[in-house]
Amino acid sequence: MSKVYLFDWGDTLMIDFPNQTGKMCDWVNVQAVNGALQTLEVLSKQNQIYVATNAADSTESDIKSAFERVGLSPFISGYFCKANLGIGKGTPDFFHRIIDTLNIDLKTVVMVGDSYEKDIEPAITAGIQVIWFNPTGKIVQGSHEVKEIKRLSEVYT
């Protein structure tokens, strides 16, 4: 069965350099996370891929522009952010709005993100499957048992 993958942006698909300010599309250096291109290429053959980001100062076109710079945009069906949903990511409502917008069954949705608090927990509360991209092996107190990966390629292996 085909799925809809929602990927976080910063530190999941693209590196969020802490010393950079402003919109990522305007940064001098932008870089995909190791394995992002291959992962999206493989997944997009049979699934839809969207970006679900908490970026507050970037519009949908700004986000797409950043993804174009690293060659990931051909694999992405669309971008969801505060600017086009009217709500930030840290709540189940964020995910419900995406599901309503796409008119899909939440059982087909998988959220992949690096922040347990902003990506994983609200997605679980919304009833969505999750994959926690945790390359540094962070420990979260009181966390749910979730699929945890250290490399993006583990999403499809």
C-alpha atoms as a PDB file:
ATOM      1  CA  MET A   1       0.000   0.000   0.000  1.00  0.00           C
ATOM      2  CA  SER A   2       1.241   3.434  -0.932  1.00  0.00           C
ATOM      3  CA  LYS A   3       1.971   5.842   1.925  1.00  0.00           C
ATOM      4  CA  VAL A   4       2.249   9.565   2.387  1.00  0.00           C
ATOM      5  CA  TYR A   5       5.512  10.522   4.049  1.00  0.00           C
ATOM      6  CA  LEU A   6       5.791  13.823   5.885  1.00  0.00           C
ATOM      7  CA  PHE A   7       9.394  14.843   6.459  1.00  0.00           C
ATOM      8  CA  ASP A   8      10.648  17.524   8.783  1.00  0.00           C
ATOM      9  CA  TRP A   9      12.954  20.043   7.089  1.00  0.00           C
ATOM     10  CA  GLY A  10      15.746  21.226   9.401  1.00  0.00           C
ATOM     11  CA  ASP A  11      18.154  18.504  10.515  1.00  0.00           C
ATOM     12  CA  THR A  12      16.003  15.791   8.956  1.00  0.00           C
ATOM     13  CA  LEU A  13      16.318  16.494   5.209  1.00  0.00           C
ATOM     14  CA  MET A  14      18.575  19.555   5.236  1.00  0.00           C
ATOM     15  CA  ILE A  15      21.228  20.652   7.699  1.00  0.00           C
ATOM     16  CA  ASP A  16      20.098  23.530   9.882  1.00  0.00           C
ATOM     17  CA  PHE A  17      23.358  25.418  10.386  1.00  0.00           C
ATOM     18  CA  PRO A  18      23.030  27.163  13.782  1.00  0.00           C
ATOM     19  CA  ASN A  19      25.248  30.116  12.788  1.00  0.00           C
ATOM     20  CA  GLN A  20      23.040  31.023   9.797  1.00  0.00           C
ATOM     21  CA  THR A  21      20.249  33.560  10.124  1.00  0.00           C
ATOM     22  CA  GLY A  22      17.279  34.393   7.947  1.00  0.00           C
ATOM     23  CA  LYS A  23      15.582  32.105   5.462  1.00  0.00           C
ATOM     24  CA  MET A  24      17.451  28.944   4.494  1.00  0.00           C
ATOM     25  CA  CYS A  25      16.829  29.620   0.786  1.00  0.00           C
ATOM     26  CA  ASP A  26      18.977  32.767   1.149  1.00  0.00           C
ATOM     27  CA  TRP A  27      21.879  31.125   2.997  1.00  0.00           C
ATOM     28  CA  VAL A  28      25.254  31.051   1.233  1.00  0.00           C
ATOM     29  CA  ASN A  29      25.631  27.339   2.000  1.00  0.00           C
ATOM     30  CA  VAL A  30      22.777  24.841   2.015  1.00  0.00           C
ATOM     31  CA  GLN A  31      23.317  21.125   2.384  1.00  0.00           C
ATOM     32  CA  ALA A  32      21.151  18.024   2.347  1.00  0.00           C
ATOM     33  CA  VAL A  33      21.454  15.610   5.260  1.00  0.00           C
ATOM     34  CA  ASN A  34      23.556  12.567   4.386  1.00  0.00           C
ATOM     35  CA  GLY A  35      21.317   9.989   2.668  1.00  0.00           C
ATOM     36  CA  ALA A  36      18.412  12.394   2.006  1.00  0.00           C
ATOM     37  CA  LEU A  37      18.647  12.285  -1.797  1.00  0.00           C
ATOM     38  CA  GLN A  38      18.780   8.486  -1.990  1.00  0.00           C
ATOM     39  CA  THR A  39      15.987   8.098   0.591  1.00  0.00           C
ATOM     40  CA  LEU A  40      13.606  10.465  -1.224  1.00  0.00           C
ATOM     41  CA  GLU A  41      14.482   8.936  -4.589  1.00  0.00           C
ATOM     42  CA  VAL A  42      13.604   5.423  -3.374  1.00  0.00           C
ATOM     43  CA  LEU A  43      10.468   6.414  -1.435  1.00  0.00           C
ATOM     44  CA  SER A  44       9.043   8.670  -4.165  1.00  0.00           C
ATOM     45  CA  LYS A  45       8.801   5.757  -6.622  1.00  0.00           C
ATOM     46  CA  GLN A  46       5.771   4.360  -4.775  1.00  0.00           C
ATOM     47  CA  ASN A  47       4.804   7.004  -2.208  1.00  0.00           C
ATOM     48  CA  GLN A  48       4.002  10.693  -1.964  1.00  0.00           C
ATOM     49  CA  ILE A  49       6.456  12.866  -0.051  1.00  0.00           C
ATOM     50  CA  TYR A  50       5.677  16.190   1.597  1.00  0.00           C
ATOM     51  CA  VAL A  51       7.695  18.481   3.812  1.00  0.00           C
ATOM     52  CA  ALA A  52       6.040  19.364   7.124  1.00  0.00           C
ATOM     53  CA  THR A  53       8.047  22.126   8.748  1.00  0.00           C
ATOM     54  CA  ASN A  54       7.757  24.497  11.652  1.00  0.00           C
ATOM     55  CA  ALA A  55       9.713  27.173   9.765  1.00  0.00           C
ATOM     56  CA  ALA A  56       7.872  30.354  10.658  1.00  0.00           C
ATOM     57  CA  ASP A  57       9.648  32.885   8.437  1.00  0.00           C
ATOM     58  CA  SER A  58       9.701  30.898   5.165  1.00  0.00           C
ATOM     59  CA  THR A  59       6.853  30.655   2.664  1.00  0.00           C
ATOM     60  CA  GLU A  60       6.090  27.559   0.627  1.00  0.00           C
ATOM     61  CA  SER A  61       8.080  28.973  -2.319  1.00  0.00           C
ATOM     62  CA  ASP A  62      11.049  29.848  -0.040  1.00  0.00           C
ATOM     63  CA  ILE A  63      11.129  26.277   1.222  1.00  0.00           C
ATOM     64  CA  LYS A  64      10.868  24.828  -2.305  1.00  0.00           C
ATOM     65  CA  SER A  65      13.711  27.117  -3.386  1.00  0.00           C
ATOM     66  CA  ALA A  66      15.996  25.740  -0.644  1.00  0.00           C
ATOM     67  CA  PHE A  67      15.149  22.158  -1.682  1.00  0.00           C
ATOM     68  CA  GLU A  68      15.823  22.990  -5.341  1.00  0.00           C
ATOM     69  CA  ARG A  69      19.324  24.184  -4.401  1.00  0.00           C
ATOM     70  CA  VAL A  70      20.260  20.724  -3.069  1.00  0.00           C
ATOM     71  CA  GLY A  71      18.415  18.684  -5.726  1.00  0.00           C
ATOM     72  CA  LEU A  72      15.701  17.256  -3.457  1.00  0.00           C
ATOM     73  CA  SER A  73      12.672  19.110  -4.885  1.00  0.00           C
ATOM     74  CA  PRO A  74      11.919  16.659  -7.758  1.00  0.00           C
ATOM     75  CA  PHE A  75      10.917  14.035  -5.178  1.00  0.00           C
ATOM     76  CA  ILE A  76       8.657  16.271  -3.078  1.00  0.00           C
ATOM     77  CA  SER A  77       4.938  16.652  -3.838  1.00  0.00           C
ATOM     78  CA  GLY A  78       4.407  19.713  -1.658  1.00  0.00           C
ATOM     79  CA  TYR A  79       5.399  21.760   1.366  1.00  0.00           C
ATOM     80  CA  PHE A  80       3.402  22.443   4.538  1.00  0.00           C
ATOM     81  CA  CYS A  81       4.399  25.255   6.870  1.00  0.00           C
ATOM     82  CA  LYS A  82       2.935  27.865   9.181  1.00  0.00           C
ATOM     83  CA  ALA A  83       2.542  30.279   6.242  1.00  0.00           C
ATOM     84  CA  ASN A  84       0.166  28.010   4.300  1.00  0.00           C
ATOM     85  CA  LEU A  85      -1.521  26.114   7.160  1.00  0.00           C
ATOM     86  CA  GLY A  86      -1.876  29.022   9.586  1.00  0.00           C
ATOM     87  CA  ILE A  87      -0.629  26.904  12.473  1.00  0.00           C
ATOM     88  CA  GLY A  88       2.777  25.814  13.823  1.00  0.00           C
ATOM     89  CA  LYS A  89       3.939  22.206  13.929  1.00  0.00           C
ATOM     90  CA  GLY A  90       4.054  21.362  17.632  1.00  0.00           C
ATOM     91  CA  THR A  91       0.385  20.304  17.827  1.00  0.00           C
ATOM     92  CA  PRO A  92      -1.789  17.444  16.510  1.00  0.00           C
ATOM     93  CA  ASP A  93      -3.910  20.097  14.703  1.00  0.00           C
ATOM     94  CA  PHE A  94      -0.978  20.789  12.364  1.00  0.00           C
ATOM     95  CA  PHE A  95      -1.098  17.182  11.167  1.00  0.00           C
ATOM     96  CA  HIS A  96      -4.912  17.097  11.010  1.00  0.00           C
ATOM     97  CA  ARG A  97      -4.837  20.151   8.701  1.00  0.00           C
ATOM     98  CA  ILE A  98      -2.386  18.395   6.373  1.00  0.00           C
ATOM     99  CA  ILE A  99      -4.560  15.267   6.303  1.00  0.00           C
ATOM    100  CA  ASP A 100      -7.670  17.380   5.616  1.00  0.00           C
ATOM    101  CA  THR A 101      -5.872  19.387   2.904  1.00  0.00           C
ATOM    102  CA  LEU A 102      -4.654  16.231   1.155  1.00  0.00           C
ATOM    103  CA  ASN A 103      -7.970  14.436   1.819  1.00  0.00           C
ATOM    104  CA  ILE A 104      -6.203  11.223   2.830  1.00  0.00           C
ATOM    105  CA  ASP A 105      -6.645   8.519   5.465  1.00  0.00           C
ATOM    106  CA  LEU A 106      -4.394   9.205   8.455  1.00  0.00           C
ATOM    107  CA  LYS A 107      -3.509   5.486   8.541  1.00  0.00           C
ATOM    108  CA  THR A 108      -1.498   6.006   5.318  1.00  0.00           C
ATOM    109  CA  VAL A 109       0.603   8.834   6.810  1.00  0.00           C
ATOM    110  CA  VAL A 110       4.104   8.496   8.276  1.00  0.00           C
ATOM    111  CA  MET A 111       5.886  11.435   9.940  1.00  0.00           C
ATOM    112  CA  VAL A 112       9.693  11.373   9.848  1.00  0.00           C
ATOM    113  CA  GLY A 113      11.448  13.931  12.029  1.00  0.00           C
ATOM    114  CA  ASP A 114      14.366  14.565  14.344  1.00  0.00           C
ATOM    115  CA  SER A 115      12.591  16.441  17.148  1.00  0.00           C
ATOM    116  CA  TYR A 116      10.741  14.136  19.511  1.00  0.00           C
ATOM    117  CA  GLU A 117       8.825  17.068  21.028  1.00  0.00           C
ATOM    118  CA  LYS A 118       7.857  18.888  17.799  1.00  0.00           C
ATOM    119  CA  ASP A 119       7.676  16.077  15.225  1.00  0.00           C
ATOM    120  CA  ILE A 120       7.059  12.746  16.906  1.00  0.00           C
ATOM    121  CA  GLU A 121       4.874  13.389  19.958  1.00  0.00           C
ATOM    122  CA  PRO A 122       2.255  15.590  18.198  1.00  0.00           C
ATOM    123  CA  ALA A 123       2.105  13.118  15.279  1.00  0.00           C
ATOM    124  CA  ILE A 124       1.476  10.218  17.688  1.00  0.00           C
ATOM    125  CA  THR A 125      -1.284  12.240  19.377  1.00  0.00           C
ATOM    126  CA  ALA A 126      -2.782  12.927  15.926  1.00  0.00           C
ATOM    127  CA  GLY A 127      -2.881   9.168  15.253  1.00  0.00           C
ATOM    128  CA  ILE A 128      -0.083   9.106  12.676  1.00  0.00           C
ATOM    129  CA  GLN A 129       2.692   6.530  12.321  1.00  0.00           C
ATOM    130  CA  VAL A 130       6.105   7.940  13.174  1.00  0.00           C
ATOM    131  CA  ILE A 131       9.773   7.326  12.477  1.00  0.00           C
ATOM    132  CA  TRP A 132      12.123   9.181  14.783  1.00  0.00           C
ATOM    133  CA  PHE A 133      15.325  10.194  13.008  1.00  0.00           C
ATOM    134  CA  ASN A 134      17.675  10.215  15.986  1.00  0.00           C
ATOM    135  CA  PRO A 135      21.250  10.101  14.616  1.00  0.00           C
ATOM    136  CA  THR A 136      22.822  11.156  17.926  1.00  0.00           C
ATOM    137  CA  GLY A 137      20.888   8.667  20.063  1.00  0.00           C
ATOM    138  CA  LYS A 138      19.111  11.250  22.255  1.00  0.00           C
ATOM    139  CA  ILE A 139      17.188   9.852  25.202  1.00  0.00           C
ATOM    140  CA  VAL A 140      13.741  11.328  25.864  1.00  0.00           C
ATOM    141  CA  GLN A 141      12.113  10.751  29.243  1.00  0.00           C
ATOM    142  CA  GLY A 142       8.626   9.245  29.115  1.00  0.00           C
ATOM    143  CA  SER A 143       8.816   8.689  25.378  1.00  0.00           C
ATOM    144  CA  HIS A 144       6.577   6.237  23.528  1.00  0.00           C
ATOM    145  CA  GLU A 145       8.030   3.140  21.933  1.00  0.00           C
ATOM    146  CA  VAL A 146       8.568   4.302  18.355  1.00  0.00           C
ATOM    147  CA  LYS A 147      10.584   3.204  15.345  1.00  0.00           C
ATOM    148  CA  GLU A 148      13.906   4.963  15.756  1.00  0.00           C
ATOM    149  CA  ILE A 149      16.548   5.298  13.040  1.00  0.00           C
ATOM    150  CA  LYS A 150      20.094   6.634  13.004  1.00  0.00           C
ATOM    151  CA  ARG A 151      20.426   6.937   9.190  1.00  0.00           C
ATOM    152  CA  LEU A 152      17.740   8.211   6.788  1.00  0.00           C
ATOM    153  CA  SER A 153      18.146   5.162   4.535  1.00  0.00           C
ATOM    154  CA  GLU A 154      16.638   3.087   7.370  1.00  0.00           C
ATOM    155  CA  VAL A 155      13.253   4.641   6.495  1.00  0.00           C
ATOM    156  CA  TYR A 156      12.920   2.240   3.555  1.00  0.00           C
ATOM    157  CA  THR A 157      15.075  -0.714   4.647  1.00  0.00           C
END
